[in-house]
Amino acid sequence: MQKFVIGREIIKKPKFFVAQPTWGVDIGATKFIRNSLIDLANDGCGIIVISQDLEELFELSDNICVLFRGKLSESKPLQELSSENIGMLMGGEEFHSESQGH
């Protein structure tokens, strides 16, 4: 069902897309969905990916923010982040990138 719903929405070529796109789908569908989201983004679609899959987030994201206990962290460029940084944010800790001088 998830494959159908995501596919139906991708075909519409939306201007904005919010999804937990690969939850509950097989590996083949995951690859197709990820590639389709990248294509949509390249065509100017704004995409918010909701995921606990760090591999997926690193593949699809330009910027990442984390929701913890109802609070959203500051959005950070992907190149400033590591799995450790994201893990800290997911655990409720703040971190500062080297580019911020902290």
PDB file of N, CA and C in Angstrom:
ATOM      1  N   MET A   1       0.817  -1.195   0.000  1.00  0.00           N
ATOM      2  CA  MET A   1       0.000   0.000   0.000  1.00  0.00           C
ATOM      3  C   MET A   1       0.863   1.264   0.000  1.00  0.00           C
ATOM      4  N   GLN A   2       1.936   1.255   0.816  1.00  0.00           N
ATOM      5  CA  GLN A   2       2.831   2.414   0.891  1.00  0.00           C
ATOM      6  C   GLN A   2       3.404   2.742  -0.491  1.00  0.00           C
ATOM      7  N   LYS A   3       3.813   1.706  -1.248  1.00  0.00           N
ATOM      8  CA  LYS A   3       4.364   1.930  -2.589  1.00  0.00           C
ATOM      9  C   LYS A   3       3.339   2.642  -3.467  1.00  0.00           C
ATOM     10  N   PHE A   4       2.103   2.215  -3.398  1.00  0.00           N
ATOM     11  CA  PHE A   4       1.047   2.816  -4.210  1.00  0.00           C
ATOM     12  C   PHE A   4       0.841   4.284  -3.844  1.00  0.00           C
ATOM     13  N   VAL A   5       0.746   4.569  -2.565  1.00  0.00           N
ATOM     14  CA  VAL A   5       0.484   5.942  -2.108  1.00  0.00           C
ATOM     15  C   VAL A   5       1.624   6.872  -2.511  1.00  0.00           C
ATOM     16  N   ILE A   6       2.859   6.470  -2.252  1.00  0.00           N
ATOM     17  CA  ILE A   6       4.012   7.307  -2.615  1.00  0.00           C
ATOM     18  C   ILE A   6       4.075   7.487  -4.127  1.00  0.00           C
ATOM     19  N   GLY A   7       3.915   6.392  -4.869  1.00  0.00           N
ATOM     20  CA  GLY A   7       3.942   6.466  -6.332  1.00  0.00           C
ATOM     21  C   GLY A   7       2.881   7.397  -6.881  1.00  0.00           C
ATOM     22  N   ARG A   8       1.682   7.307  -6.349  1.00  0.00           N
ATOM     23  CA  ARG A   8       0.583   8.170  -6.790  1.00  0.00           C
ATOM     24  C   ARG A   8       0.938   9.639  -6.580  1.00  0.00           C
ATOM     25  N   GLU A   9       1.542   9.964  -5.465  1.00  0.00           N
ATOM     26  CA  GLU A   9       1.888  11.357  -5.176  1.00  0.00           C
ATOM     27  C   GLU A   9       3.061  11.840  -6.022  1.00  0.00           C
ATOM     28  N   ILE A  10       4.047  10.991  -6.259  1.00  0.00           N
ATOM     29  CA  ILE A  10       5.202  11.372  -7.075  1.00  0.00           C
ATOM     30  C   ILE A  10       4.766  11.682  -8.502  1.00  0.00           C
ATOM     31  N   ILE A  11       3.857  10.888  -9.049  1.00  0.00           N
ATOM     32  CA  ILE A  11       3.375  11.083 -10.419  1.00  0.00           C
ATOM     33  C   ILE A  11       2.732  12.456 -10.593  1.00  0.00           C
ATOM     34  N   LYS A  12       2.149  12.997  -9.548  1.00  0.00           N
ATOM     35  CA  LYS A  12       1.482  14.303  -9.622  1.00  0.00           C
ATOM     36  C   LYS A  12       2.469  15.463  -9.756  1.00  0.00           C
ATOM     37  N   LYS A  13       3.773  15.198  -9.617  1.00  0.00           N
ATOM     38  CA  LYS A  13       4.816  16.234  -9.683  1.00  0.00           C
ATOM     39  C   LYS A  13       4.497  17.403  -8.748  1.00  0.00           C
ATOM     40  N   PRO A  14       4.428  17.143  -7.450  1.00  0.00           N
ATOM     41  CA  PRO A  14       4.054  18.199  -6.500  1.00  0.00           C
ATOM     42  C   PRO A  14       5.143  19.259  -6.357  1.00  0.00           C
ATOM     43  N   LYS A  15       4.768  20.400  -5.817  1.00  0.00           N
ATOM     44  CA  LYS A  15       5.741  21.452  -5.511  1.00  0.00           C
ATOM     45  C   LYS A  15       6.337  21.253  -4.122  1.00  0.00           C
ATOM     46  N   PHE A  16       5.657  20.483  -3.290  1.00  0.00           N
ATOM     47  CA  PHE A  16       6.107  20.239  -1.919  1.00  0.00           C
ATOM     48  C   PHE A  16       5.656  18.842  -1.522  1.00  0.00           C
ATOM     49  N   PHE A  17       6.526  18.102  -0.848  1.00  0.00           N
ATOM     50  CA  PHE A  17       6.246  16.702  -0.546  1.00  0.00           C
ATOM     51  C   PHE A  17       6.776  16.377   0.844  1.00  0.00           C
ATOM     52  N   VAL A  18       5.932  15.873   1.706  1.00  0.00           N
ATOM     53  CA  VAL A  18       6.328  15.457   3.048  1.00  0.00           C
ATOM     54  C   VAL A  18       6.045  13.970   3.166  1.00  0.00           C
ATOM     55  N   ALA A  19       7.044  13.205   3.591  1.00  0.00           N
ATOM     56  CA  ALA A  19       6.804  11.762   3.639  1.00  0.00           C
ATOM     57  C   ALA A  19       7.800  11.037   4.522  1.00  0.00           C
ATOM     58  N   GLN A  20       7.369   9.906   4.987  1.00  0.00           N
ATOM     59  CA  GLN A  20       8.252   8.881   5.530  1.00  0.00           C
ATOM     60  C   GLN A  20       8.279   7.856   4.392  1.00  0.00           C
ATOM     61  N   PRO A  21       9.077   8.159   3.355  1.00  0.00           N
ATOM     62  CA  PRO A  21       8.865   7.557   2.043  1.00  0.00           C
ATOM     63  C   PRO A  21       9.108   6.063   1.920  1.00  0.00           C
ATOM     64  N   THR A  22      10.039   5.518   2.647  1.00  0.00           N
ATOM     65  CA  THR A  22      10.379   4.109   2.414  1.00  0.00           C
ATOM     66  C   THR A  22       9.989   3.205   3.566  1.00  0.00           C
ATOM     67  N   TRP A  23       9.175   3.699   4.458  1.00  0.00           N
ATOM     68  CA  TRP A  23       8.725   2.894   5.591  1.00  0.00           C
ATOM     69  C   TRP A  23       7.871   1.740   5.083  1.00  0.00           C
ATOM     70  N   GLY A  24       8.280   0.527   5.381  1.00  0.00           N
ATOM     71  CA  GLY A  24       7.484  -0.647   5.061  1.00  0.00           C
ATOM     72  C   GLY A  24       7.529  -1.119   3.627  1.00  0.00           C
ATOM     73  N   VAL A  25       8.509  -0.672   2.835  1.00  0.00           N
ATOM     74  CA  VAL A  25       8.593  -1.143   1.448  1.00  0.00           C
ATOM     75  C   VAL A  25       9.850  -1.979   1.243  1.00  0.00           C
ATOM     76  N   ASP A  26       9.852  -2.782   0.186  1.00  0.00           N
ATOM     77  CA  ASP A  26      10.989  -3.660  -0.090  1.00  0.00           C
ATOM     78  C   ASP A  26      12.163  -2.871  -0.671  1.00  0.00           C
ATOM     79  N   ILE A  27      13.313  -3.531  -0.790  1.00  0.00           N
ATOM     80  CA  ILE A  27      14.554  -2.881  -1.219  1.00  0.00           C
ATOM     81  C   ILE A  27      14.424  -2.269  -2.606  1.00  0.00           C
ATOM     82  N   GLY A  28      13.805  -2.984  -3.537  1.00  0.00           N
ATOM     83  CA  GLY A  28      13.634  -2.461  -4.894  1.00  0.00           C
ATOM     84  C   GLY A  28      12.793  -1.199  -4.916  1.00  0.00           C
ATOM     85  N   ALA A  29      11.704  -1.208  -4.167  1.00  0.00           N
ATOM     86  CA  ALA A  29      10.837  -0.032  -4.096  1.00  0.00           C
ATOM     87  C   ALA A  29      11.547   1.125  -3.399  1.00  0.00           C
ATOM     88  N   THR A  30      12.345   0.810  -2.385  1.00  0.00           N
ATOM     89  CA  THR A  30      13.101   1.847  -1.678  1.00  0.00           C
ATOM     90  C   THR A  30      14.010   2.594  -2.641  1.00  0.00           C
ATOM     91  N   LYS A  31      14.744   1.863  -3.460  1.00  0.00           N
ATOM     92  CA  LYS A  31      15.658   2.497  -4.419  1.00  0.00           C
ATOM     93  C   LYS A  31      14.882   3.370  -5.401  1.00  0.00           C
ATOM     94  N   PHE A  32      13.770   2.853  -5.913  1.00  0.00           N
ATOM     95  CA  PHE A  32      12.952   3.615  -6.859  1.00  0.00           C
ATOM     96  C   PHE A  32      12.412   4.890  -6.211  1.00  0.00           C
ATOM     97  N   ILE A  33      11.897   4.774  -5.003  1.00  0.00           N
ATOM     98  CA  ILE A  33      11.331   5.936  -4.310  1.00  0.00           C
ATOM     99  C   ILE A  33      12.410   6.977  -4.041  1.00  0.00           C
ATOM    100  N   ARG A  34      13.566   6.542  -3.560  1.00  0.00           N
ATOM    101  CA  ARG A  34      14.653   7.498  -3.289  1.00  0.00           C
ATOM    102  C   ARG A  34      15.072   8.220  -4.561  1.00  0.00           C
ATOM    103  N   ASN A  35      15.247   7.484  -5.660  1.00  0.00           N
ATOM    104  CA  ASN A  35      15.627   8.109  -6.933  1.00  0.00           C
ATOM    105  C   ASN A  35      14.551   9.076  -7.414  1.00  0.00           C
ATOM    106  N   SER A  36      13.289   8.708  -7.244  1.00  0.00           N
ATOM    107  CA  SER A  36      12.186   9.585  -7.650  1.00  0.00           C
ATOM    108  C   SER A  36      12.169  10.868  -6.826  1.00  0.00           C
ATOM    109  N   LEU A  37      12.441  10.769  -5.526  1.00  0.00           N
ATOM    110  CA  LEU A  37      12.487  11.962  -4.679  1.00  0.00           C
ATOM    111  C   LEU A  37      13.644  12.871  -5.074  1.00  0.00           C
ATOM    112  N   ILE A  38      14.782  12.290  -5.402  1.00  0.00           N
ATOM    113  CA  ILE A  38      15.928  13.083  -5.862  1.00  0.00           C
ATOM    114  C   ILE A  38      15.568  13.807  -7.154  1.00  0.00           C
ATOM    115  N   ASP A  39      14.900  13.109  -8.079  1.00  0.00           N
ATOM    116  CA  ASP A  39      14.465  13.741  -9.330  1.00  0.00           C
ATOM    117  C   ASP A  39      13.495  14.889  -9.063  1.00  0.00           C
ATOM    118  N   LEU A  40      12.530  14.679  -8.160  1.00  0.00           N
ATOM    119  CA  LEU A  40      11.589  15.750  -7.813  1.00  0.00           C
ATOM    120  C   LEU A  40      12.323  16.961  -7.245  1.00  0.00           C
ATOM    121  N   ALA A  41      13.272  16.718  -6.352  1.00  0.00           N
ATOM    122  CA  ALA A  41      14.042  17.818  -5.757  1.00  0.00           C
ATOM    123  C   ALA A  41      14.825  18.566  -6.832  1.00  0.00           C
ATOM    124  N   ASN A  42      15.423  17.826  -7.757  1.00  0.00           N
ATOM    125  CA  ASN A  42      16.174  18.455  -8.846  1.00  0.00           C
ATOM    126  C   ASN A  42      15.276  19.282  -9.757  1.00  0.00           C
ATOM    127  N   ASP A  43      13.984  18.945  -9.797  1.00  0.00           N
ATOM    128  CA  ASP A  43      13.010  19.699 -10.589  1.00  0.00           C
ATOM    129  C   ASP A  43      12.385  20.845  -9.798  1.00  0.00           C
ATOM    130  N   GLY A  44      12.871  21.084  -8.575  1.00  0.00           N
ATOM    131  CA  GLY A  44      12.416  22.224  -7.792  1.00  0.00           C
ATOM    132  C   GLY A  44      11.383  21.927  -6.720  1.00  0.00           C
ATOM    133  N   CYS A  45      11.051  20.675  -6.520  1.00  0.00           N
ATOM    134  CA  CYS A  45      10.085  20.308  -5.486  1.00  0.00           C
ATOM    135  C   CYS A  45      10.755  20.385  -4.112  1.00  0.00           C
ATOM    136  N   GLY A  46      10.096  21.018  -3.163  1.00  0.00           N
ATOM    137  CA  GLY A  46      10.577  21.008  -1.785  1.00  0.00           C
ATOM    138  C   GLY A  46      10.166  19.707  -1.124  1.00  0.00           C
ATOM    139  N   ILE A  47      11.103  19.024  -0.495  1.00  0.00           N
ATOM    140  CA  ILE A  47      10.814  17.718   0.094  1.00  0.00           C
ATOM    141  C   ILE A  47      11.258  17.698   1.547  1.00  0.00           C
ATOM    142  N   ILE A  48      10.370  17.272   2.421  1.00  0.00           N
ATOM    143  CA  ILE A  48      10.717  17.024   3.817  1.00  0.00           C
ATOM    144  C   ILE A  48      10.615  15.526   4.028  1.00  0.00           C
ATOM    145  N   VAL A  49      11.724  14.915   4.401  1.00  0.00           N
ATOM    146  CA  VAL A  49      11.753  13.475   4.641  1.00  0.00           C
ATOM    147  C   VAL A  49      11.715  13.250   6.144  1.00  0.00           C
ATOM    148  N   ILE A  50      10.776  12.454   6.578  1.00  0.00           N
ATOM    149  CA  ILE A  50      10.676  12.062   7.976  1.00  0.00           C
ATOM    150  C   ILE A  50      11.184  10.634   8.051  1.00  0.00           C
ATOM    151  N   SER A  51      12.292  10.414   8.762  1.00  0.00           N
ATOM    152  CA  SER A  51      12.888   9.079   8.771  1.00  0.00           C
ATOM    153  C   SER A  51      13.766   8.888   9.994  1.00  0.00           C
ATOM    154  N   GLN A  52      13.875   7.635  10.412  1.00  0.00           N
ATOM    155  CA  GLN A  52      14.837   7.255  11.440  1.00  0.00           C
ATOM    156  C   GLN A  52      16.025   6.549  10.805  1.00  0.00           C
ATOM    157  N   ASP A  53      15.992   6.397   9.495  1.00  0.00           N
ATOM    158  CA  ASP A  53      17.028   5.703   8.739  1.00  0.00           C
ATOM    159  C   ASP A  53      18.104   6.714   8.339  1.00  0.00           C
ATOM    160  N   LEU A  54      19.228   6.721   9.067  1.00  0.00           N
ATOM    161  CA  LEU A  54      20.272   7.710   8.804  1.00  0.00           C
ATOM    162  C   LEU A  54      20.843   7.582   7.401  1.00  0.00           C
ATOM    163  N   GLU A  55      20.974   6.360   6.896  1.00  0.00           N
ATOM    164  CA  GLU A  55      21.470   6.164   5.527  1.00  0.00           C
ATOM    165  C   GLU A  55      20.558   6.893   4.538  1.00  0.00           C
ATOM    166  N   GLU A  56      19.267   6.746   4.731  1.00  0.00           N
ATOM    167  CA  GLU A  56      18.298   7.417   3.865  1.00  0.00           C
ATOM    168  C   GLU A  56      18.433   8.934   3.977  1.00  0.00           C
ATOM    169  N   LEU A  57      18.555   9.435   5.182  1.00  0.00           N
ATOM    170  CA  LEU A  57      18.685  10.875   5.377  1.00  0.00           C
ATOM    171  C   LEU A  57      19.945  11.421   4.721  1.00  0.00           C
ATOM    172  N   PHE A  58      21.063  10.712   4.849  1.00  0.00           N
ATOM    173  CA  PHE A  58      22.303  11.169   4.230  1.00  0.00           C
ATOM    174  C   PHE A  58      22.223  11.111   2.708  1.00  0.00           C
ATOM    175  N   GLU A  59      21.456  10.173   2.161  1.00  0.00           N
ATOM    176  CA  GLU A  59      21.312  10.064   0.710  1.00  0.00           C
ATOM    177  C   GLU A  59      20.392  11.146   0.142  1.00  0.00           C
ATOM    178  N   LEU A  60      19.352  11.506   0.867  1.00  0.00           N
ATOM    179  CA  LEU A  60      18.317  12.378   0.318  1.00  0.00           C
ATOM    180  C   LEU A  60      18.406  13.837   0.743  1.00  0.00           C
ATOM    181  N   SER A  61      19.180  14.152   1.755  1.00  0.00           N
ATOM    182  CA  SER A  61      19.077  15.476   2.379  1.00  0.00           C
ATOM    183  C   SER A  61      20.171  16.443   1.975  1.00  0.00           C
ATOM    184  N   ASP A  62      19.795  17.716   1.929  1.00  0.00           N
ATOM    185  CA  ASP A  62      20.751  18.819   1.837  1.00  0.00           C
ATOM    186  C   ASP A  62      20.972  19.399   3.229  1.00  0.00           C
ATOM    187  N   ASN A  63      19.908  19.421   4.020  1.00  0.00           N
ATOM    188  CA  ASN A  63      19.924  19.924   5.394  1.00  0.00           C
ATOM    189  C   ASN A  63      19.158  18.946   6.268  1.00  0.00           C
ATOM    190  N   ILE A  64      19.556  18.870   7.534  1.00  0.00           N
ATOM    191  CA  ILE A  64      18.896  17.959   8.467  1.00  0.00           C
ATOM    192  C   ILE A  64      18.592  18.703   9.758  1.00  0.00           C
ATOM    193  N   CYS A  65      17.408  18.459  10.290  1.00  0.00           N
ATOM    194  CA  CYS A  65      17.086  18.884  11.646  1.00  0.00           C
ATOM    195  C   CYS A  65      16.417  17.705  12.338  1.00  0.00           C
ATOM    196  N   VAL A  66      16.440  17.726  13.648  1.00  0.00           N
ATOM    197  CA  VAL A  66      15.960  16.592  14.438  1.00  0.00           C
ATOM    198  C   VAL A  66      14.851  17.065  15.367  1.00  0.00           C
ATOM    199  N   LEU A  67      13.802  16.269  15.445  1.00  0.00           N
ATOM    200  CA  LEU A  67      12.717  16.526  16.378  1.00  0.00           C
ATOM    201  C   LEU A  67      12.953  15.678  17.622  1.00  0.00           C
ATOM    202  N   PHE A  68      13.023  16.332  18.783  1.00  0.00           N
ATOM    203  CA  PHE A  68      13.223  15.626  20.049  1.00  0.00           C
ATOM    204  C   PHE A  68      12.273  16.214  21.072  1.00  0.00           C
ATOM    205  N   ARG A  69      11.404  15.365  21.608  1.00  0.00           N
ATOM    206  CA  ARG A  69      10.425  15.776  22.622  1.00  0.00           C
ATOM    207  C   ARG A  69       9.668  17.046  22.224  1.00  0.00           C
ATOM    208  N   GLY A  70       9.235  17.071  20.971  1.00  0.00           N
ATOM    209  CA  GLY A  70       8.422  18.179  20.486  1.00  0.00           C
ATOM    210  C   GLY A  70       9.186  19.421  20.089  1.00  0.00           C
ATOM    211  N   LYS A  71      10.513  19.380  20.172  1.00  0.00           N
ATOM    212  CA  LYS A  71      11.319  20.540  19.803  1.00  0.00           C
ATOM    213  C   LYS A  71      12.181  20.194  18.596  1.00  0.00           C
ATOM    214  N   LEU A  72      12.229  21.126  17.651  1.00  0.00           N
ATOM    215  CA  LEU A  72      12.986  20.937  16.425  1.00  0.00           C
ATOM    216  C   LEU A  72      14.346  21.610  16.557  1.00  0.00           C
ATOM    217  N   SER A  73      15.399  20.853  16.255  1.00  0.00           N
ATOM    218  CA  SER A  73      16.747  21.425  16.307  1.00  0.00           C
ATOM    219  C   SER A  73      16.930  22.407  15.153  1.00  0.00           C
ATOM    220  N   GLU A  74      17.976  23.185  15.242  1.00  0.00           N
ATOM    221  CA  GLU A  74      18.352  24.070  14.149  1.00  0.00           C
ATOM    222  C   GLU A  74      18.689  23.216  12.928  1.00  0.00           C
ATOM    223  N   SER A  75      18.287  23.667  11.760  1.00  0.00           N
ATOM    224  CA  SER A  75      18.624  22.973  10.520  1.00  0.00           C
ATOM    225  C   SER A  75      20.119  23.139  10.248  1.00  0.00           C
ATOM    226  N   LYS A  76      20.776  22.028   9.925  1.00  0.00           N
ATOM    227  CA  LYS A  76      22.218  22.047   9.663  1.00  0.00           C
ATOM    228  C   LYS A  76      22.482  21.499   8.265  1.00  0.00           C
ATOM    229  N   PRO A  77      23.422  22.103   7.527  1.00  0.00           N
ATOM    230  CA  PRO A  77      23.808  21.545   6.229  1.00  0.00           C
ATOM    231  C   PRO A  77      24.391  20.145   6.412  1.00  0.00           C
ATOM    232  N   LEU A  78      24.072  19.261   5.493  1.00  0.00           N
ATOM    233  CA  LEU A  78      24.511  17.872   5.576  1.00  0.00           C
ATOM    234  C   LEU A  78      26.022  17.766   5.752  1.00  0.00           C
ATOM    235  N   GLN A  79      26.777  18.611   5.058  1.00  0.00           N
ATOM    236  CA  GLN A  79      28.239  18.509   5.128  1.00  0.00           C
ATOM    237  C   GLN A  79      28.801  18.843   6.511  1.00  0.00           C
ATOM    238  N   GLU A  80      28.007  19.460   7.381  1.00  0.00           N
ATOM    239  CA  GLU A  80      28.445  19.755   8.752  1.00  0.00           C
ATOM    240  C   GLU A  80      28.127  18.628   9.723  1.00  0.00           C
ATOM    241  N   LEU A  81      27.434  17.593   9.254  1.00  0.00           N
ATOM    242  CA  LEU A  81      26.925  16.562  10.155  1.00  0.00           C
ATOM    243  C   LEU A  81      27.605  15.218   9.969  1.00  0.00           C
ATOM    244  N   SER A  82      27.601  14.462  11.036  1.00  0.00           N
ATOM    245  CA  SER A  82      28.034  13.065  11.008  1.00  0.00           C
ATOM    246  C   SER A  82      26.938  12.251  11.694  1.00  0.00           C
ATOM    247  N   SER A  83      27.045  10.943  11.600  1.00  0.00           N
ATOM    248  CA  SER A  83      26.090  10.085  12.310  1.00  0.00           C
ATOM    249  C   SER A  83      26.128  10.371  13.805  1.00  0.00           C
ATOM    250  N   GLU A  84      27.329  10.644  14.326  1.00  0.00           N
ATOM    251  CA  GLU A  84      27.469  10.957  15.757  1.00  0.00           C
ATOM    252  C   GLU A  84      26.719  12.236  16.121  1.00  0.00           C
ATOM    253  N   ASN A  85      26.867  13.284  15.285  1.00  0.00           N
ATOM    254  CA  ASN A  85      26.159  14.543  15.548  1.00  0.00           C
ATOM    255  C   ASN A  85      24.655  14.334  15.578  1.00  0.00           C
ATOM    256  N   ILE A  86      24.159  13.598  14.608  1.00  0.00           N
ATOM    257  CA  ILE A  86      22.719  13.354  14.540  1.00  0.00           C
ATOM    258  C   ILE A  86      22.268  12.528  15.738  1.00  0.00           C
ATOM    259  N   GLY A  87      23.064  11.540  16.116  1.00  0.00           N
ATOM    260  CA  GLY A  87      22.748  10.740  17.300  1.00  0.00           C
ATOM    261  C   GLY A  87      22.654  11.594  18.549  1.00  0.00           C
ATOM    262  N   MET A  88      23.564  12.568  18.679  1.00  0.00           N
ATOM    263  CA  MET A  88      23.518  13.475  19.827  1.00  0.00           C
ATOM    264  C   MET A  88      22.222  14.278  19.823  1.00  0.00           C
ATOM    265  N   LEU A  89      21.848  14.796  18.644  1.00  0.00           N
ATOM    266  CA  LEU A  89      20.606  15.558  18.544  1.00  0.00           C
ATOM    267  C   LEU A  89      19.396  14.679  18.842  1.00  0.00           C
ATOM    268  N   MET A  90      19.424  13.439  18.353  1.00  0.00           N
ATOM    269  CA  MET A  90      18.314  12.511  18.600  1.00  0.00           C
ATOM    270  C   MET A  90      18.194  12.181  20.086  1.00  0.00           C
ATOM    271  N   GLY A  91      19.310  12.269  20.803  1.00  0.00           N
ATOM    272  CA  GLY A  91      19.313  12.031  22.242  1.00  0.00           C
ATOM    273  C   GLY A  91      19.045  13.282  23.057  1.00  0.00           C
ATOM    274  N   GLY A  92      18.786  14.393  22.387  1.00  0.00           N
ATOM    275  CA  GLY A  92      18.446  15.626  23.080  1.00  0.00           C
ATOM    276  C   GLY A  92      19.623  16.524  23.388  1.00  0.00           C
ATOM    277  N   GLU A  93      20.817  16.151  22.930  1.00  0.00           N
ATOM    278  CA  GLU A  93      21.997  16.976  23.191  1.00  0.00           C
ATOM    279  C   GLU A  93      22.206  17.969  22.055  1.00  0.00           C
ATOM    280  N   GLU A  94      22.757  19.106  22.389  1.00  0.00           N
ATOM    281  CA  GLU A  94      23.133  20.090  21.382  1.00  0.00           C
ATOM    282  C   GLU A  94      24.579  19.848  20.992  1.00  0.00           C
ATOM    283  N   PHE A  95      24.918  20.204  19.783  1.00  0.00           N
ATOM    284  CA  PHE A  95      26.319  20.192  19.390  1.00  0.00           C
ATOM    285  C   PHE A  95      26.551  21.428  18.542  1.00  0.00           C
ATOM    286  N   HIS A  96      27.801  21.812  18.427  1.00  0.00           N
ATOM    287  CA  HIS A  96      28.165  22.972  17.624  1.00  0.00           C
ATOM    288  C   HIS A  96      29.196  22.527  16.610  1.00  0.00           C
ATOM    289  N   SER A  97      28.988  22.933  15.357  1.00  0.00           N
ATOM    290  CA  SER A  97      29.937  22.554  14.313  1.00  0.00           C
ATOM    291  C   SER A  97      31.201  23.380  14.455  1.00  0.00           C
ATOM    292  N   GLU A  98      32.287  22.868  13.870  1.00  0.00           N
ATOM    293  CA  GLU A  98      33.559  23.588  13.929  1.00  0.00           C
ATOM    294  C   GLU A  98      33.458  24.926  13.217  1.00  0.00           C
ATOM    295  N   SER A  99      32.616  25.005  12.173  1.00  0.00           N
ATOM    296  CA  SER A  99      32.486  26.252  11.429  1.00  0.00           C
ATOM    297  C   SER A  99      31.853  27.356  12.271  1.00  0.00           C
ATOM    298  N   GLN A 100      31.188  26.991  13.363  1.00  0.00           N
ATOM    299  CA  GLN A 100      30.596  27.986  14.244  1.00  0.00           C
ATOM    300  C   GLN A 100      31.589  28.433  15.318  1.00  0.00           C
ATOM    301  N   GLY A 101      32.745  27.797  15.343  1.00  0.00           N
ATOM    302  CA  GLY A 101      33.769  28.196  16.283  1.00  0.00           C
ATOM    303  C   GLY A 101      33.545  27.732  17.700  1.00  0.00           C
ATOM    304  N   HIS A 102      32.732  26.718  17.934  1.00  0.00           N
ATOM    305  CA  HIS A 102      32.467  26.211  19.286  1.00  0.00           C
ATOM    306  C   HIS A 102      33.042  24.841  19.447  1.00  0.00           C
TER     307      HIS A 102
END
